[in-house]
Amino acid sequence: MNDDLTLCQKAERSITKKYRKQIWNKFIMAVKEYELIKEGDKIAVCISGGKDSMLLAKLMQLLLRYSDFDFELVYLVMDPGYSAENRAQIENNASLLEIPVTVFETDIFSVTDKADRYPCYLCAKMRRGHLYNKAKSLGCNKIALGHHFSDVIETTVMAMFYGAQLQAMPPKLHSTNFEGMELIRPMYCIHEDDIIRWKNYNNLEFLRCACRMTEGFDGESRLSSGKRQEVKDLIKNLKKDNPNIEKNIFNSIHHLHFDTFPGYKTNGETHSFLERYDRKENNG
């Protein structure tokens, strides 16, 4: 029976059947728990061509198909200056998975090629701005990105180890530069390992990294990538002794004991616990 299914049908079936518990249920849980999608939303699903964003597109497409409330989707592909081969691979995968993409071009790679410092930061910032701008021009009020559970915990650990701050990645946030726009992360609860299993099960090949900055550099030269890999390896090793380490890190950002912190920042302003310390009695 499965032999009669198209590649797209097999991929969709595996999401709702074989990987229902690991992928579909966790996707639905995040959408509901964090109130990511509301009736009347028009959402730009941002597709970079990698495994995460392509799975996100399929999940959102299936949700639209089965949902009992109305919302709209635009599958948005931004070409920052991809090679012809990478551009073709994205479009071919979209066709195979029956995702009707809207492609628009920018000159981001040309700009970041000339940057002397922090080209990856500049690229990410420019990408986000272009995506918001294009999505808003299409009448969207939200953009959806493919960040997942593993991104969340790795970013949290990286911020503490290398950024000297306790900072997490929220499941949604309001744009500070594009009024009325929101960013949502519907794959917030899905583990990267399960995304890889889904990809391999369906024999799918997606872009790994199409950035020009990776073409002439080895792993040690790519600071951001290198530090993230260090954190991945650390968590992997910690799991050998504590299988719940990932779950514990994830749960910790949902259960912040605010009163125990000597300092904090909110709305861009830094505060000290001393501001409220003497106003409290019996706080020991």
Protein backbone atom coordinates (compact mmCIF):
# COMPACT_ATOMS: atom_id res chain seq x y z
CA MET A 1 0.00 0.00 0.00
CA ASN A 2 2.79 2.42 0.93
CA ASP A 3 4.43 1.76 -2.45
CA ASP A 4 1.53 3.60 -4.09
CA LEU A 5 2.20 6.78 -2.10
CA THR A 6 4.17 9.69 -3.47
CA LEU A 7 7.27 10.91 -1.63
CA CYS A 8 5.24 13.79 -0.25
CA GLN A 9 2.48 11.48 0.98
CA LYS A 10 5.02 9.19 2.65
CA ALA A 11 6.68 12.13 4.38
CA GLU A 12 3.33 13.43 5.62
CA ARG A 13 2.19 9.99 6.74
CA SER A 14 5.40 9.46 8.72
CA ILE A 15 4.81 12.73 10.58
CA THR A 16 1.32 11.77 11.74
CA LYS A 17 1.93 8.00 12.12
CA LYS A 18 5.47 6.75 12.73
CA TYR A 19 6.70 9.96 14.39
CA ARG A 20 3.39 11.09 15.78
CA LYS A 21 4.56 11.04 19.41
CA GLN A 22 7.98 12.57 18.77
CA ILE A 23 7.06 15.20 16.18
CA TRP A 24 3.35 15.81 15.53
CA ASN A 25 2.16 15.67 19.14
CA LYS A 26 4.97 17.92 20.35
CA PHE A 27 4.27 20.38 17.55
CA ILE A 28 0.59 20.54 18.51
CA MET A 29 1.53 20.85 22.19
CA ALA A 30 3.74 23.88 21.53
CA VAL A 31 1.12 25.57 19.33
CA LYS A 32 -1.51 25.18 22.06
CA GLU A 33 0.58 25.70 25.20
CA TYR A 34 2.27 28.87 23.95
CA GLU A 35 -0.77 30.12 21.97
CA LEU A 36 1.29 30.49 18.81
CA ILE A 37 -1.48 30.54 16.21
CA LYS A 38 -4.83 32.30 16.41
CA GLU A 39 -7.81 32.50 14.13
CA GLY A 40 -7.29 35.05 11.38
CA ASP A 41 -3.50 34.90 11.48
CA LYS A 42 -1.56 35.13 8.23
CA ILE A 43 1.79 33.50 8.84
CA ALA A 44 4.95 33.53 6.75
CA VAL A 45 6.65 30.16 7.21
CA CYS A 46 10.31 30.98 6.65
CA ILE A 47 12.21 28.31 4.73
CA SER A 48 16.01 28.32 4.56
CA GLY A 49 16.22 24.94 2.83
CA GLY A 50 17.53 22.99 5.82
CA LYS A 51 15.86 20.05 7.53
CA ASP A 52 14.31 22.15 10.30
CA SER A 53 12.55 24.73 8.15
CA MET A 54 11.37 22.15 5.61
CA LEU A 55 9.81 20.03 8.35
CA LEU A 56 8.26 23.18 9.82
CA ALA A 57 6.66 23.90 6.46
CA LYS A 58 5.12 20.41 6.32
CA LEU A 59 3.87 20.65 9.91
CA MET A 60 2.23 24.01 9.28
CA GLN A 61 0.75 22.73 6.04
CA LEU A 62 -0.76 19.71 7.80
CA LEU A 63 -2.08 21.88 10.62
CA LEU A 64 -3.81 24.14 8.12
CA ARG A 65 -5.34 21.08 6.47
CA TYR A 66 -6.69 19.61 9.71
CA SER A 67 -7.38 22.76 11.74
CA ASP A 68 -10.86 23.66 12.90
CA PHE A 69 -10.16 27.41 12.72
CA ASP A 70 -9.13 29.65 9.83
CA PHE A 71 -5.66 31.06 9.24
CA GLU A 72 -3.44 31.59 6.22
CA LEU A 73 0.09 30.52 5.32
CA VAL A 74 2.74 31.85 2.98
CA TYR A 75 5.83 29.67 2.47
CA LEU A 76 8.59 32.22 2.22
CA VAL A 77 12.06 31.49 0.83
CA MET A 78 14.60 34.28 0.98
CA ASP A 79 17.55 33.89 -1.39
CA PRO A 80 20.44 35.82 0.20
CA GLY A 81 22.72 34.98 -2.72
CA TYR A 82 22.68 31.19 -2.91
CA SER A 83 24.70 29.36 -5.52
CA ALA A 84 22.63 28.07 -8.45
CA GLU A 85 22.97 24.52 -7.08
CA ASN A 86 21.69 25.42 -3.61
CA ARG A 87 18.83 27.49 -4.99
CA ALA A 88 17.82 24.55 -7.21
CA GLN A 89 17.95 22.11 -4.30
CA ILE A 90 15.61 24.23 -2.21
CA GLU A 91 13.13 24.59 -5.06
CA ASN A 92 13.33 20.88 -5.94
CA ASN A 93 12.70 19.81 -2.34
CA ALA A 94 9.77 22.21 -2.10
CA SER A 95 8.33 20.67 -5.26
CA LEU A 96 8.84 17.10 -4.00
CA LEU A 97 7.14 17.93 -0.70
CA GLU A 98 4.42 19.94 -2.46
CA ILE A 99 5.18 23.18 -0.66
CA PRO A 100 4.16 26.19 -2.80
CA VAL A 101 7.05 28.52 -1.98
CA THR A 102 7.30 32.25 -2.62
CA VAL A 103 10.92 33.15 -3.36
CA PHE A 104 12.44 36.61 -3.09
CA GLU A 105 16.04 37.72 -3.53
CA THR A 106 18.34 39.88 -1.41
CA ASP A 107 22.02 40.86 -1.49
CA ILE A 108 22.84 39.72 2.06
CA PHE A 109 25.80 37.51 1.12
CA SER A 110 27.34 40.34 -0.90
CA VAL A 111 27.12 42.63 2.13
CA THR A 112 28.40 40.11 4.68
CA ASP A 113 31.28 39.12 2.40
CA LYS A 114 32.69 42.61 2.99
CA ALA A 115 32.24 42.56 6.77
CA ASP A 116 35.49 42.48 8.73
CA ARG A 117 33.91 41.45 12.03
CA TYR A 118 30.97 39.29 13.07
CA PRO A 119 29.67 38.44 9.58
CA CYS A 120 27.42 35.67 10.96
CA TYR A 121 25.74 38.08 13.39
CA LEU A 122 25.26 40.61 10.60
CA CYS A 123 23.85 37.95 8.29
CA ALA A 124 21.35 36.72 10.89
CA LYS A 125 20.21 40.25 11.69
CA MET A 126 19.77 41.14 8.03
CA ARG A 127 17.93 37.90 7.29
CA ARG A 128 15.45 38.55 10.08
CA GLY A 129 14.85 42.10 8.90
CA HIS A 130 14.27 41.07 5.28
CA LEU A 131 11.91 38.28 6.33
CA TYR A 132 9.85 40.59 8.53
CA ASN A 133 9.72 43.23 5.80
CA LYS A 134 8.66 40.83 3.05
CA ALA A 135 6.14 39.05 5.27
CA LYS A 136 4.55 42.35 6.29
CA SER A 137 4.36 43.46 2.66
CA LEU A 138 2.40 40.26 1.93
CA GLY A 139 -0.10 41.05 4.66
CA CYS A 140 1.29 38.64 7.26
CA ASN A 141 1.20 39.37 10.97
CA LYS A 142 3.61 36.59 12.00
CA ILE A 143 6.72 34.81 10.80
CA ALA A 144 7.40 31.20 11.82
CA LEU A 145 10.98 29.95 12.25
CA GLY A 146 12.28 26.39 12.56
CA HIS A 147 14.05 26.63 15.92
CA HIS A 148 13.57 23.43 17.92
CA PHE A 149 13.98 22.02 21.44
CA SER A 150 17.70 21.38 20.97
CA ASP A 151 18.27 24.96 19.76
CA VAL A 152 16.52 26.22 22.89
CA ILE A 153 18.66 24.36 25.41
CA GLU A 154 21.91 24.86 23.48
CA THR A 155 21.28 28.60 23.22
CA THR A 156 20.54 28.75 26.95
CA VAL A 157 23.81 26.99 27.84
CA MET A 158 25.83 29.03 25.34
CA ALA A 159 24.50 32.30 26.75
CA MET A 160 25.64 31.29 30.23
CA PHE A 161 29.02 29.82 29.26
CA TYR A 162 30.07 32.32 26.60
CA GLY A 163 27.78 35.32 27.05
CA ALA A 164 27.91 35.57 30.85
CA GLN A 165 24.13 35.80 31.11
CA LEU A 166 21.09 33.63 31.74
CA GLN A 167 19.12 34.08 28.55
CA ALA A 168 16.69 31.71 26.89
CA MET A 169 14.95 31.54 23.52
CA PRO A 170 11.22 32.33 23.93
CA PRO A 171 8.58 30.43 21.92
CA LYS A 172 7.26 33.71 20.54
CA LEU A 173 8.07 37.40 20.68
CA HIS A 174 6.89 40.74 19.38
CA SER A 175 9.05 42.46 16.78
CA THR A 176 10.65 45.65 18.06
CA ASN A 177 11.19 47.11 14.58
CA PHE A 178 8.10 45.94 12.68
CA GLU A 179 4.95 47.06 14.45
CA GLY A 180 2.22 44.45 14.68
CA MET A 181 4.54 41.59 13.70
CA GLU A 182 5.34 38.53 15.82
CA LEU A 183 7.88 35.72 15.57
CA ILE A 184 6.75 32.22 16.53
CA ARG A 185 8.67 28.95 16.98
CA PRO A 186 6.18 26.07 16.52
CA MET A 187 8.88 23.34 16.74
CA TYR A 188 9.89 24.54 20.21
CA CYS A 189 9.30 21.12 21.81
CA ILE A 190 10.68 18.88 19.04
CA HIS A 191 14.12 17.29 19.50
CA GLU A 192 16.66 17.64 16.71
CA ASP A 193 17.42 13.91 16.82
CA ASP A 194 13.81 13.18 15.88
CA ILE A 195 13.96 15.65 12.99
CA ILE A 196 17.04 13.82 11.70
CA ARG A 197 15.28 10.45 12.08
CA TRP A 198 12.30 11.73 10.08
CA LYS A 199 14.61 13.06 7.36
CA ASN A 200 16.57 9.81 7.11
CA TYR A 201 13.45 7.64 7.21
CA ASN A 202 12.15 9.45 4.14
CA ASN A 203 15.56 9.54 2.38
CA LEU A 204 15.43 13.31 2.15
CA GLU A 205 18.48 15.50 1.52
CA PHE A 206 18.32 19.12 2.57
CA LEU A 207 20.82 21.97 2.65
CA ARG A 208 23.17 21.76 5.61
CA CYS A 209 24.65 25.22 5.35
CA ALA A 210 24.53 27.32 2.22
CA CYS A 211 26.39 30.28 3.67
CA ARG A 212 29.39 31.55 1.70
CA MET A 213 31.26 32.05 4.96
CA THR A 214 31.64 28.28 5.32
CA GLU A 215 33.21 27.73 1.91
CA GLY A 216 36.72 28.89 2.75
CA PHE A 217 36.92 28.21 6.48
CA ASP A 218 37.58 25.16 8.60
CA GLY A 219 35.57 24.32 11.72
CA GLU A 220 37.95 26.07 14.09
CA SER A 221 37.53 29.37 12.26
CA ARG A 222 33.77 29.39 12.63
CA LEU A 223 33.42 30.54 16.23
CA SER A 224 29.66 30.39 16.52
CA SER A 225 29.41 26.96 14.93
CA GLY A 226 32.35 25.69 16.98
CA LYS A 227 30.95 26.84 20.32
CA ARG A 228 27.54 25.37 19.55
CA GLN A 229 29.17 22.04 18.68
CA GLU A 230 31.07 22.17 21.99
CA VAL A 231 27.77 22.58 23.81
CA LYS A 232 26.18 19.76 21.78
CA ASP A 233 29.06 17.46 22.74
CA LEU A 234 28.89 18.53 26.39
CA ILE A 235 25.18 17.80 26.64
CA LYS A 236 25.67 14.48 24.88
CA ASN A 237 28.30 13.45 27.42
CA LEU A 238 26.22 14.63 30.38
CA LYS A 239 23.31 12.51 29.13
CA LYS A 240 25.39 9.38 29.70
CA ASP A 241 25.12 9.93 33.47
CA ASN A 242 21.87 11.87 33.51
CA PRO A 243 19.42 10.95 30.73
CA ASN A 244 17.14 13.80 31.85
CA ILE A 245 19.73 16.57 31.39
CA GLU A 246 18.05 18.07 28.30
CA LYS A 247 14.61 17.94 29.88
CA ASN A 248 15.97 19.53 33.06
CA ILE A 249 17.58 22.43 31.17
CA PHE A 250 14.37 22.98 29.20
CA ASN A 251 12.20 22.86 32.32
CA SER A 252 14.54 25.22 34.16
CA ILE A 253 13.74 28.10 31.81
CA HIS A 254 10.04 27.55 32.56
CA HIS A 255 10.58 27.61 36.35
CA LEU A 256 12.72 30.66 37.05
CA HIS A 257 13.04 31.47 40.75
CA PHE A 258 13.28 35.20 40.22
CA ASP A 259 13.74 36.12 43.89
CA THR A 260 17.02 34.18 44.10
CA PHE A 261 18.82 36.25 41.44
CA PRO A 262 21.08 39.15 42.53
CA GLY A 263 20.61 40.92 39.20
CA TYR A 264 18.30 40.89 36.22
CA LYS A 265 17.48 42.79 33.06
CA THR A 266 14.05 43.64 31.72
CA ASN A 267 12.99 45.96 28.89
CA GLY A 268 16.65 46.74 28.30
CA GLU A 269 17.22 48.01 31.84
CA THR A 270 19.51 46.37 34.42
CA HIS A 271 18.27 45.98 37.99
CA SER A 272 19.65 44.75 41.30
CA PHE A 273 17.94 42.65 43.95
CA LEU A 274 18.81 45.49 46.36
CA GLU A 275 16.05 47.58 44.78
CA ARG A 276 13.46 45.32 46.38
CA TYR A 277 15.49 43.75 49.21
CA ASP A 278 14.72 46.26 51.97
CA ARG A 279 11.06 46.36 51.01
CA LYS A 280 10.73 42.74 52.06
CA GLU A 281 10.46 41.51 55.60
CA ASN A 282 11.18 37.99 56.71
CA ASN A 283 12.84 37.18 53.40
CA GLY A 284 15.45 34.92 55.00
